[in-house]
Each structure stands twice: as structure tokens, then as C-alpha cells.
């Protein structure tokens, strides 16, 4: 069996991929441009991708290809219908990053609510030492306890965030497709108007693209904090950045972007240095522990495929 990793660099240089070698030859490319994909997977039996797009135009003939392993939970980068038409199995990894993404979500909320970078900078730059005061209480910061936290998307990550935020004393409201009596479920418009903190955890599909729209952003509280750790296109990115620049939001925390990495044409580029903006490089999923779980999940999927088991979660 020949296994090809098309964007191994996205998994981190510290991740040991040697467990894959038990299945045969392993070729790992740090990254692959769309025009390089067909040649690189031409004689591969299994392809592992994280962000590379696999579809009819990029895959080419690939006569031996039998299995695509997506090194992620989201699978919007793979044309699953096309793979199905060719009899190619597709599997993703579920649940491996729950703790990692939930941790960053809470870290963003806590940092934005507490103005942590500004206080740290005050000490680091020597201002505290020169002040002559035993403390500094500006900028003003607020407790999360008693605030209303809105969760958009109640999968594994959304549930983990809800449980943790509740433990901090937050009231939790939830927007999900199927009502859950365990949680206070509301429609998306009510959530956007009501919540003090809004965190987005829904997958990207036709029904969620642009879900956090310009109109819904305009309806939010002026001191609301919005955190997107789902997919960039779930939010209207331009409207989100306009709102933060115009003081119509309290803060934003974003780890995902419609174009990654974003460049100077992105609306985020103009707000990246604002004190109430926390932008991270799509790393929420990638704690070391999460990446080890991810690799183990891929190994199990390949093992199941080779044994004729139910390896495919998507097709």
C-alpha cells in the first residue's frame, strides 16, 4: 500500500507519523499546490489531507486510489459525491480535537473579558514598576459569571464549551437544529440579540454559510464578544470587522478564515492589532495531544479499511 500525505506540515513537525509505515510506503509532502495533487497521488492507494482540496479537477486519474483520510473533522475540502462516484472511501476524524478547541474558545473569551494582553504589556513594558501604584485597574474588565453565553452549533465542541462556561457561572443559550431539553434552545436571531458571548461551532455547509450575517451582527449587543472557531465563511467577515472598528462589538476572537492564511486584502488585516481583537492562526484544533489522537484515528481507519470493516464515516 502506498500512502501519500499532501500537506504534512499542517500536522506539525513534532508529530511522529511512523505508525503509518506499517501499511507500506509513506510519502509526505509538507504542502501541495492544486496543480501538484494529481501527479503526487497518481499511484497512491491512500491519500491523507488536512486542507488540500480534493475534487475532480485536482485528483486526476489516480487509478489506485481507494481511500481518502481527512486529517480533520470538517470535510468541506473534499468533494465527497465525486469520491463516491468513483468508489473511493472517505473518512474524517471525529472528536479528537474537542478538548483542544474548547480550551482555546474559553481562553479567547477569558482573555477578551479580562483584557489580559493589555495588563501583561503594562507590566512587561515597565509601566507598572514606574507607576508607584500597587495595582492597575484600567482598562476595566468584567467577570463572565452571570453573563449569557450563546452557543451556535451543539456538537462535541459546542457541548464542551457549554459545560465549561456553565461551570464559570454563565447562563447558556443554544442554537441547534434539533431542540435539546437539557439546554435552553433559541433561534439564531434571538441568540444574537441576547448573548453577551457568542461562540460559533457549526460545520460549514449550504445552510450555515453566512449564518452569522451582517444583519445578525448588527443586532448584537454593543459589548458582545464573538468567537469563531468553526469555519471562516460561517460569519460575514467584513461585517464583523466593520462592527469592531466602529465600536459596535466588545471584542472578537477568530481562529478560522475564509482564506487561509489571510492576506492584506482580508478585512481581518485592518483589525489585527486592535486590543479587543484576538486572532490566531487556525491552531485551536492542534494541541499535541489532539494531533496524536488524530493520527491514531487515521491509523484505525486504514486498519479497518484493509480488514474490510466499516472504515467510511462519510460515504
Protein backbone atom coordinates (compact mmCIF):
# COMPACT_ATOMS: atom_id res chain seq x y z
CA UNK A 1 0.00 0.00 0.00
CA UNK A 2 1.24 3.47 -0.87
CA UNK A 3 0.12 6.33 1.38
CA UNK A 4 0.62 9.96 0.41
CA UNK A 5 0.32 12.91 2.78
CA UNK A 6 -0.27 16.03 0.74
CA UNK A 7 0.12 18.69 3.45
CA UNK A 8 2.07 17.08 6.28
CA UNK A 9 3.31 20.46 7.55
CA UNK A 10 -0.20 21.28 8.75
CA UNK A 11 0.05 18.41 11.23
CA UNK A 12 3.16 19.81 12.92
CA UNK A 13 6.81 18.85 12.62
CA UNK A 14 6.76 17.26 16.07
CA UNK A 15 4.17 14.61 15.14
CA UNK A 16 5.66 11.16 14.58
CA UNK A 17 3.99 9.66 11.51
CA UNK A 18 5.96 6.41 11.62
CA UNK A 19 2.88 4.37 12.70
CA UNK A 20 1.67 4.78 9.11
CA UNK A 21 4.68 2.89 7.80
CA UNK A 22 3.28 -0.44 8.98
CA UNK A 23 0.95 -0.30 5.98
CA UNK A 24 3.66 0.20 3.37
CA UNK A 25 5.36 3.10 1.62
CA UNK A 26 4.65 6.56 3.03
CA UNK A 27 5.40 9.74 1.07
CA UNK A 28 4.92 13.02 2.95
CA UNK A 29 4.88 16.41 1.23
CA UNK A 30 4.98 19.47 3.50
CA UNK A 31 2.39 21.19 1.29
CA UNK A 32 0.88 20.72 -2.16
CA UNK A 33 -0.46 23.26 -4.64
CA UNK A 34 -3.64 22.33 -6.54
CA UNK A 35 -1.66 21.73 -9.73
CA UNK A 36 0.66 19.27 -7.96
CA UNK A 37 -2.00 16.98 -6.50
CA UNK A 38 -2.74 14.74 -9.49
CA UNK A 39 0.90 13.87 -10.09
CA UNK A 40 1.66 13.28 -6.43
CA UNK A 41 -1.24 10.88 -5.86
CA UNK A 42 -1.06 9.24 -9.28
CA UNK A 43 -0.14 5.77 -7.96
CA UNK A 44 -1.31 6.15 -4.35
CA UNK A 45 -3.74 3.76 -2.67
CA UNK A 46 -4.49 6.12 0.22
CA UNK A 47 -4.27 9.91 0.47
CA UNK A 48 -4.19 11.86 3.72
CA UNK A 49 -5.14 15.55 3.59
CA UNK A 50 -5.81 18.31 6.04
CA UNK A 51 -6.53 21.41 3.94
CA UNK A 52 -5.73 20.42 0.34
CA UNK A 53 -8.83 20.37 -1.87
CA UNK A 54 -9.63 17.04 -3.50
CA UNK A 55 -12.14 17.11 -6.33
CA UNK A 56 -12.50 16.09 -9.95
CA UNK A 57 -10.24 18.87 -11.19
CA UNK A 58 -7.39 18.18 -8.75
CA UNK A 59 -7.40 14.39 -8.33
CA UNK A 60 -6.82 13.37 -11.94
CA UNK A 61 -6.91 9.68 -12.90
CA UNK A 62 -5.38 8.24 -9.68
CA UNK A 63 -6.32 4.68 -10.75
CA UNK A 64 -5.19 3.04 -7.49
CA UNK A 65 -6.86 5.48 -5.11
CA UNK A 66 -9.19 3.66 -2.74
CA UNK A 67 -9.25 5.71 0.44
CA UNK A 68 -9.09 9.40 1.41
CA UNK A 69 -8.37 10.12 5.07
CA UNK A 70 -9.18 13.68 6.09
CA UNK A 71 -6.98 14.79 8.96
CA UNK A 72 -9.79 16.90 10.36
CA UNK A 73 -13.44 16.73 11.39
CA UNK A 74 -14.70 19.12 8.71
CA UNK A 75 -14.69 17.76 5.18
CA UNK A 76 -15.71 20.72 3.03
CA UNK A 77 -12.36 20.49 1.22
CA UNK A 78 -13.23 17.09 -0.28
CA UNK A 79 -15.88 16.52 -2.96
CA UNK A 80 -17.45 13.51 -1.29
CA UNK A 81 -20.00 12.95 -4.06
CA UNK A 82 -17.25 12.73 -6.65
CA UNK A 83 -15.31 10.29 -4.49
CA UNK A 84 -18.44 8.21 -4.04
CA UNK A 85 -18.99 8.11 -7.81
CA UNK A 86 -15.54 6.59 -8.17
CA UNK A 87 -15.91 4.14 -5.32
CA UNK A 88 -13.31 5.90 -3.21
CA UNK A 89 -13.94 5.76 0.52
CA UNK A 90 -13.70 8.95 2.55
CA UNK A 91 -13.26 9.13 6.30
CA UNK A 92 -12.77 12.04 8.66
CA UNK A 93 -11.71 12.16 12.30
CA UNK A 94 -14.40 12.85 14.88
CA UNK A 95 -13.94 14.04 18.43
CA UNK A 96 -10.15 14.18 18.50
CA UNK A 97 -9.98 17.99 18.88
CA UNK A 98 -12.90 18.61 21.24
CA UNK A 99 -10.82 19.49 24.29
CA UNK A 100 -8.29 21.48 22.28
CA UNK A 101 -10.84 23.70 20.51
CA UNK A 102 -12.94 24.16 23.64
CA UNK A 103 -9.81 25.22 25.55
CA UNK A 104 -8.94 27.91 23.00
CA UNK A 105 -12.55 29.11 22.91
CA UNK A 106 -12.54 29.62 26.67
CA UNK A 107 -9.06 31.16 26.55
CA UNK A 108 -10.21 33.71 23.99
CA UNK A 109 -13.30 34.59 25.99
CA UNK A 110 -11.35 34.94 29.22
CA UNK A 111 -8.59 36.98 27.59
CA UNK A 112 -11.03 39.37 25.90
CA UNK A 113 -13.16 39.75 29.03
CA UNK A 114 -10.13 40.31 31.26
CA UNK A 115 -8.03 42.43 28.85
CA UNK A 116 -5.19 40.10 29.72
CA UNK A 117 -2.74 41.15 26.94
CA UNK A 118 -3.00 44.82 27.96
CA UNK A 119 -2.32 44.12 31.63
CA UNK A 120 0.58 41.84 30.74
CA UNK A 121 2.01 44.50 28.45
CA UNK A 122 1.67 47.12 31.20
CA UNK A 123 3.95 45.04 33.40
CA UNK A 124 6.24 43.85 30.60
CA UNK A 125 6.92 47.39 29.34
CA UNK A 126 7.89 48.55 32.82
CA UNK A 127 4.89 50.83 33.31
CA UNK A 128 3.80 49.01 36.45
CA UNK A 129 7.23 49.39 38.04
CA UNK A 130 7.31 53.10 37.23
CA UNK A 131 3.72 53.80 38.29
CA UNK A 132 4.23 53.88 42.06
CA UNK A 133 0.83 52.18 42.46
CA UNK A 134 0.31 48.70 43.86
CA UNK A 135 -2.24 47.89 41.19
CA UNK A 136 -3.73 48.95 37.86
CA UNK A 137 -7.44 48.55 37.08
CA UNK A 138 -7.64 50.07 33.61
CA UNK A 139 -8.81 49.03 31.15
CA UNK A 140 -11.90 47.91 33.05
CA UNK A 141 -12.51 44.17 32.94
CA UNK A 142 -15.57 42.09 33.68
CA UNK A 143 -16.49 38.72 35.16
CA UNK A 144 -18.03 36.06 32.94
CA UNK A 145 -20.18 34.81 35.79
CA UNK A 146 -23.74 35.99 35.27
CA UNK A 147 -23.25 36.64 31.55
CA UNK A 148 -25.28 34.90 28.84
CA UNK A 149 -23.17 32.68 26.58
CA UNK A 150 -24.70 31.73 23.23
CA UNK A 151 -23.52 28.53 21.57
CA UNK A 152 -24.07 28.22 17.81
CA UNK A 153 -23.77 24.53 16.96
CA UNK A 154 -24.03 21.91 19.67
CA UNK A 155 -21.76 19.11 18.55
CA UNK A 156 -18.97 17.70 20.71
CA UNK A 157 -17.11 21.02 20.87
CA UNK A 158 -20.20 23.14 21.49
CA UNK A 159 -21.25 20.85 24.34
CA UNK A 160 -17.80 21.01 25.93
CA UNK A 161 -17.76 24.81 25.74
CA UNK A 162 -21.29 24.97 27.17
CA UNK A 163 -20.37 22.73 30.09
CA UNK A 164 -17.25 24.74 30.87
CA UNK A 165 -18.93 28.12 30.50
CA UNK A 166 -21.76 26.96 32.75
CA UNK A 167 -19.17 25.99 35.36
CA UNK A 168 -17.92 29.59 35.23
CA UNK A 169 -21.40 30.81 36.12
CA UNK A 170 -22.73 31.68 32.66
CA UNK A 171 -26.30 31.25 31.53
CA UNK A 172 -26.16 29.08 28.41
CA UNK A 173 -28.42 29.51 25.38
CA UNK A 174 -28.07 27.27 22.36
CA UNK A 175 -28.91 27.36 18.68
CA UNK A 176 -29.08 23.88 17.15
CA UNK A 177 -31.14 22.12 14.52
CA UNK A 178 -32.80 19.68 16.93
CA UNK A 179 -34.04 21.10 20.27
CA UNK A 180 -32.44 19.54 23.33
CA UNK A 181 -34.36 19.66 26.63
CA UNK A 182 -31.05 19.69 28.51
CA UNK A 183 -30.31 23.20 27.20
CA UNK A 184 -32.17 26.46 26.67
CA UNK A 185 -32.57 26.38 22.89
CA UNK A 186 -33.39 29.52 20.91
CA UNK A 187 -33.44 30.60 17.27
CA UNK A 188 -30.31 32.19 15.84
CA UNK A 189 -31.80 35.70 15.80
CA UNK A 190 -32.74 35.54 19.48
CA UNK A 191 -29.30 34.22 20.36
CA UNK A 192 -27.53 37.03 18.51
CA UNK A 193 -29.67 39.70 20.18
CA UNK A 194 -29.46 38.20 23.70
CA UNK A 195 -25.99 36.74 24.28
CA UNK A 196 -23.05 38.56 25.84
CA UNK A 197 -20.62 35.98 24.45
CA UNK A 198 -21.33 34.16 21.18
CA UNK A 199 -19.16 31.24 20.13
CA UNK A 200 -19.59 29.51 16.78
CA UNK A 201 -19.01 25.75 16.48
CA UNK A 202 -21.11 24.69 13.50
CA UNK A 203 -19.74 22.96 10.37
CA UNK A 204 -19.72 24.82 7.07
CA UNK A 205 -22.41 23.75 4.61
CA UNK A 206 -25.07 25.37 2.45
CA UNK A 207 -27.31 26.04 5.44
CA UNK A 208 -24.60 27.57 7.66
CA UNK A 209 -22.67 29.65 5.13
CA UNK A 210 -23.13 33.27 6.18
CA UNK A 211 -25.23 32.19 9.18
CA UNK A 212 -23.77 34.96 11.35
CA UNK A 213 -24.82 37.57 8.83
CA UNK A 214 -24.40 41.34 8.63
CA UNK A 215 -27.96 41.81 9.90
CA UNK A 216 -27.43 39.47 12.85
CA UNK A 217 -24.13 41.12 13.73
CA UNK A 218 -25.90 44.49 13.68
CA UNK A 219 -28.46 43.14 16.15
CA UNK A 220 -25.85 42.11 18.74
CA UNK A 221 -25.14 44.00 21.94
CA UNK A 222 -22.51 46.72 21.64
CA UNK A 223 -20.37 44.96 24.24
CA UNK A 224 -20.89 41.42 22.92
CA UNK A 225 -17.89 39.19 22.29
CA UNK A 226 -17.99 36.99 19.18
CA UNK A 227 -15.72 33.94 18.85
CA UNK A 228 -15.50 31.91 15.65
CA UNK A 229 -13.62 28.60 15.85
CA UNK A 230 -15.78 26.82 13.24
CA UNK A 231 -15.18 27.91 9.64
CA UNK A 232 -14.49 31.41 8.38
CA UNK A 233 -17.39 31.56 5.94
CA UNK A 234 -19.96 30.87 8.66
CA UNK A 235 -19.57 34.55 9.60
CA UNK A 236 -19.79 37.66 7.45
CA UNK A 237 -16.14 38.57 7.98
CA UNK A 238 -16.36 42.07 6.55
CA UNK A 239 -19.36 42.95 8.71
CA UNK A 240 -17.67 41.51 11.79
CA UNK A 241 -14.58 43.66 11.28
CA UNK A 242 -16.62 46.77 10.49
CA UNK A 243 -18.56 46.30 13.74
CA UNK A 244 -15.40 46.01 15.83
CA UNK A 245 -13.83 49.08 14.19
CA UNK A 246 -16.98 51.12 14.73
CA UNK A 247 -17.28 50.10 18.38
CA UNK A 248 -20.46 48.09 17.85
CA UNK A 249 -18.96 44.96 19.42
CA UNK A 250 -16.99 44.44 22.60
CA UNK A 251 -14.48 42.05 21.08
CA UNK A 252 -13.85 39.28 18.57
CA UNK A 253 -11.81 36.11 18.75
CA UNK A 254 -11.23 34.29 15.47
CA UNK A 255 -9.19 31.20 14.60
CA UNK A 256 -10.65 30.41 11.15
CA UNK A 257 -10.82 32.41 7.93
CA UNK A 258 -12.45 32.08 4.52
CA UNK A 259 -8.98 32.39 3.01
CA UNK A 260 -6.08 30.86 4.94
CA UNK A 261 -3.66 32.33 5.62
CA UNK A 262 -5.39 35.68 5.18
CA UNK A 263 -3.50 38.42 3.37
CA UNK A 264 -3.66 42.22 3.31
CA UNK A 265 -6.92 42.15 1.35
CA UNK A 266 -8.71 40.42 4.23
CA UNK A 267 -10.91 42.56 6.48
CA UNK A 268 -9.08 40.99 9.43
CA UNK A 269 -5.80 42.57 8.37
CA UNK A 270 -7.01 46.04 9.32
CA UNK A 271 -8.14 45.00 12.82
CA UNK A 272 -5.42 42.51 13.79
CA UNK A 273 -3.69 44.94 16.15
CA UNK A 274 -6.75 46.22 17.98
CA UNK A 275 -6.70 45.48 21.72
CA UNK A 276 -10.14 43.86 21.69
CA UNK A 277 -9.31 41.54 18.81
CA UNK A 278 -7.73 38.10 19.29
CA UNK A 279 -6.76 36.42 16.01
CA UNK A 280 -5.00 33.04 15.98
CA UNK A 281 -3.60 31.03 13.02
CA UNK A 282 -6.17 28.19 12.80
CA UNK A 283 -4.48 26.36 15.65
CA UNK A 284 -7.38 25.65 18.00
CA UNK A 285 -7.62 22.03 16.90
CA UNK A 286 -3.90 21.34 17.15
CA UNK A 287 -2.76 20.67 20.70
CA UNK A 288 -0.11 17.95 20.72
CA UNK A 289 -2.49 15.56 22.42
CA UNK A 290 -5.20 16.23 19.82
CA UNK A 291 -2.81 15.60 16.94
CA UNK A 292 -1.70 12.29 18.45
CA UNK A 293 -5.37 11.27 18.72
CA UNK A 294 -5.88 12.38 15.13
CA UNK A 295 -3.05 10.22 13.82
CA UNK A 296 -4.27 7.25 15.84
CA UNK A 297 -7.73 7.72 14.36
CA UNK A 298 -6.32 7.72 10.82
CA UNK A 299 -4.35 4.56 11.56
CA UNK A 300 -7.52 2.86 12.81
CA UNK A 301 -9.43 3.94 9.69
CA UNK A 302 -6.77 2.43 7.42
CA UNK A 303 -6.69 -0.76 9.51
CA UNK A 304 -10.47 -1.04 9.26
CA UNK A 305 -10.38 -0.46 5.52
CA UNK A 306 -7.77 -3.16 4.98
CA UNK A 307 -9.77 -5.63 7.07
CA UNK A 308 -12.96 -4.86 5.15
CA UNK A 309 -14.55 -3.12 8.09
CA UNK A 310 -16.78 -0.05 8.27
CA UNK A 311 -13.99 2.48 7.74
CA UNK A 312 -16.03 5.16 5.98
CA UNK A 313 -17.80 7.78 8.07
CA UNK A 314 -18.88 9.97 5.17
CA UNK A 315 -19.54 7.92 2.05
